[in-house]
C-alpha cells in the first residue's frame, strides 16, 4: 500500500491524466451507454475500429473538432461550444 509522498505522487499523476482525458472519457461513456462497440461505432463513422481505438486512447488536446462532432452525433449528444 502506498503511503505518504509515494501516494501523493501517484494521486497527482492520476489527476493530471484524468484532466487531459475528460472529454474522451465522456465520449466513451456515451458510446457504451448507446450500446455500441468500437467496431459498431467505426461502421457508423465509416472508419476503422483502430481509428476509434486511437481516438479513445488519445488525450483531449489531440481530438479534432470534426472528430468530436461526428462522435457526439452518433451517440446522440449535441456538441455545444462556449467561448467566454
C-alpha atoms as a PDB file:
ATOM      1  CA  UNK A   1       0.000   0.000   0.000  1.00  0.00           C
ATOM      2  CA  UNK A   2       1.268   3.452  -0.879  1.00  0.00           C
ATOM      3  CA  UNK A   3       1.712   5.953   1.896  1.00  0.00           C
ATOM      4  CA  UNK A   4       2.940   9.485   2.283  1.00  0.00           C
ATOM      5  CA  UNK A   5       4.897  11.017  -0.581  1.00  0.00           C
ATOM      6  CA  UNK A   6       4.518   7.956  -2.827  1.00  0.00           C
ATOM      7  CA  UNK A   7       0.743   8.101  -2.535  1.00  0.00           C
ATOM      8  CA  UNK A   8       0.691  11.825  -3.294  1.00  0.00           C
ATOM      9  CA  UNK A   9       2.844  11.330  -6.396  1.00  0.00           C
ATOM     10  CA  UNK A  10       0.556   8.614  -7.723  1.00  0.00           C
ATOM     11  CA  UNK A  11      -2.572  10.643  -6.901  1.00  0.00           C
ATOM     12  CA  UNK A  12      -1.108  13.712  -8.643  1.00  0.00           C
ATOM     13  CA  UNK A  13      -0.239  11.647 -11.726  1.00  0.00           C
ATOM     14  CA  UNK A  14      -3.765  10.204 -11.880  1.00  0.00           C
ATOM     15  CA  UNK A  15      -5.276  13.701 -11.561  1.00  0.00           C
ATOM     16  CA  UNK A  16      -3.060  15.007 -14.385  1.00  0.00           C
ATOM     17  CA  UNK A  17      -4.008  12.156 -16.713  1.00  0.00           C
ATOM     18  CA  UNK A  18      -7.684  12.494 -15.809  1.00  0.00           C
ATOM     19  CA  UNK A  19      -7.642  16.220 -16.541  1.00  0.00           C
ATOM     20  CA  UNK A  20      -6.273  15.527 -20.020  1.00  0.00           C
ATOM     21  CA  UNK A  21      -8.973  12.994 -20.925  1.00  0.00           C
ATOM     22  CA  UNK A  22     -12.231  14.421 -19.537  1.00  0.00           C
ATOM     23  CA  UNK A  23     -13.841  14.855 -22.946  1.00  0.00           C
ATOM     24  CA  UNK A  24     -12.679  11.476 -24.228  1.00  0.00           C
ATOM     25  CA  UNK A  25     -13.986   9.818 -21.065  1.00  0.00           C
ATOM     26  CA  UNK A  26     -17.409  11.384 -21.690  1.00  0.00           C
ATOM     27  CA  UNK A  27     -17.401  10.166 -25.292  1.00  0.00           C
ATOM     28  CA  UNK A  28     -16.506   6.618 -24.245  1.00  0.00           C
ATOM     29  CA  UNK A  29     -19.230   6.572 -21.582  1.00  0.00           C
ATOM     30  CA  UNK A  30     -21.738   7.859 -24.165  1.00  0.00           C
ATOM     31  CA  UNK A  31     -20.693   5.179 -26.683  1.00  0.00           C
ATOM     32  CA  UNK A  32     -21.053   2.412 -24.120  1.00  0.00           C
ATOM     33  CA  UNK A  33     -24.388   3.841 -22.895  1.00  0.00           C
ATOM     34  CA  UNK A  34     -25.591   3.816 -26.509  1.00  0.00           C
ATOM     35  CA  UNK A  35     -24.757   0.111 -26.583  1.00  0.00           C
ATOM     36  CA  UNK A  36     -22.102   0.498 -29.275  1.00  0.00           C
ATOM     37  CA  UNK A  37     -18.831  -1.383 -29.529  1.00  0.00           C
ATOM     38  CA  UNK A  38     -15.817   0.281 -31.086  1.00  0.00           C
ATOM     39  CA  UNK A  39     -16.460  -1.754 -34.238  1.00  0.00           C
ATOM     40  CA  UNK A  40     -20.071  -0.607 -34.438  1.00  0.00           C
ATOM     41  CA  UNK A  41     -19.003   2.986 -33.833  1.00  0.00           C
ATOM     42  CA  UNK A  42     -16.452   2.677 -36.612  1.00  0.00           C
ATOM     43  CA  UNK A  43     -19.086   1.378 -39.024  1.00  0.00           C
ATOM     44  CA  UNK A  44     -21.352   4.337 -38.252  1.00  0.00           C
ATOM     45  CA  UNK A  45     -18.464   6.787 -38.742  1.00  0.00           C
ATOM     46  CA  UNK A  46     -17.188   4.919 -41.800  1.00  0.00           C
ATOM     47  CA  UNK A  47     -13.722   4.427 -40.403  1.00  0.00           C
ATOM     48  CA  UNK A  48     -11.740   1.546 -38.929  1.00  0.00           C
ATOM     49  CA  UNK A  49     -12.092   0.167 -35.420  1.00  0.00           C
ATOM     50  CA  UNK A  50      -8.429   1.014 -34.901  1.00  0.00           C
ATOM     51  CA  UNK A  51      -9.262   4.690 -35.613  1.00  0.00           C
ATOM     52  CA  UNK A  52     -11.891   4.620 -32.837  1.00  0.00           C
ATOM     53  CA  UNK A  53      -9.382   2.958 -30.522  1.00  0.00           C
ATOM     54  CA  UNK A  54      -6.812   5.632 -31.345  1.00  0.00           C
ATOM     55  CA  UNK A  55      -9.337   8.397 -30.626  1.00  0.00           C
ATOM     56  CA  UNK A  56     -10.320   6.817 -27.314  1.00  0.00           C
ATOM     57  CA  UNK A  57      -6.696   6.253 -26.289  1.00  0.00           C
ATOM     58  CA  UNK A  58      -5.599   9.823 -27.024  1.00  0.00           C
ATOM     59  CA  UNK A  59      -5.766  12.995 -24.971  1.00  0.00           C
ATOM     60  CA  UNK A  60      -8.440  15.669 -25.344  1.00  0.00           C
ATOM     61  CA  UNK A  61      -5.966  18.072 -26.957  1.00  0.00           C
ATOM     62  CA  UNK A  62      -5.363  15.550 -29.753  1.00  0.00           C
ATOM     63  CA  UNK A  63      -9.015  15.497 -30.866  1.00  0.00           C
ATOM     64  CA  UNK A  64     -10.197  17.490 -33.852  1.00  0.00           C
ATOM     65  CA  UNK A  65     -13.470  19.375 -33.700  1.00  0.00           C
ATOM     66  CA  UNK A  66     -14.692  17.210 -36.588  1.00  0.00           C
ATOM     67  CA  UNK A  67     -13.947  14.005 -34.672  1.00  0.00           C
ATOM     68  CA  UNK A  68     -15.764  15.315 -31.594  1.00  0.00           C
ATOM     69  CA  UNK A  69     -18.784  16.438 -33.616  1.00  0.00           C
ATOM     70  CA  UNK A  70     -19.101  13.168 -35.553  1.00  0.00           C
ATOM     71  CA  UNK A  71     -18.626  11.005 -32.460  1.00  0.00           C
ATOM     72  CA  UNK A  72     -21.153  13.035 -30.459  1.00  0.00           C
ATOM     73  CA  UNK A  73     -23.715  12.889 -33.276  1.00  0.00           C
ATOM     74  CA  UNK A  74     -23.546   9.096 -33.482  1.00  0.00           C
ATOM     75  CA  UNK A  75     -24.039   8.621 -29.729  1.00  0.00           C
ATOM     76  CA  UNK A  76     -26.907  11.118 -29.608  1.00  0.00           C
ATOM     77  CA  UNK A  77     -25.115  14.043 -27.995  1.00  0.00           C
ATOM     78  CA  UNK A  78     -25.285  17.652 -29.088  1.00  0.00           C
ATOM     79  CA  UNK A  79     -21.977  19.481 -29.407  1.00  0.00           C
ATOM     80  CA  UNK A  80     -22.085  22.917 -27.818  1.00  0.00           C
ATOM     81  CA  UNK A  81     -19.141  25.304 -27.705  1.00  0.00           C
ATOM     82  CA  UNK A  82     -18.981  28.073 -25.162  1.00  0.00           C
ATOM     83  CA  UNK A  83     -16.352  30.762 -25.516  1.00  0.00           C
ATOM     84  CA  UNK A  84     -16.014  33.334 -22.784  1.00  0.00           C
END
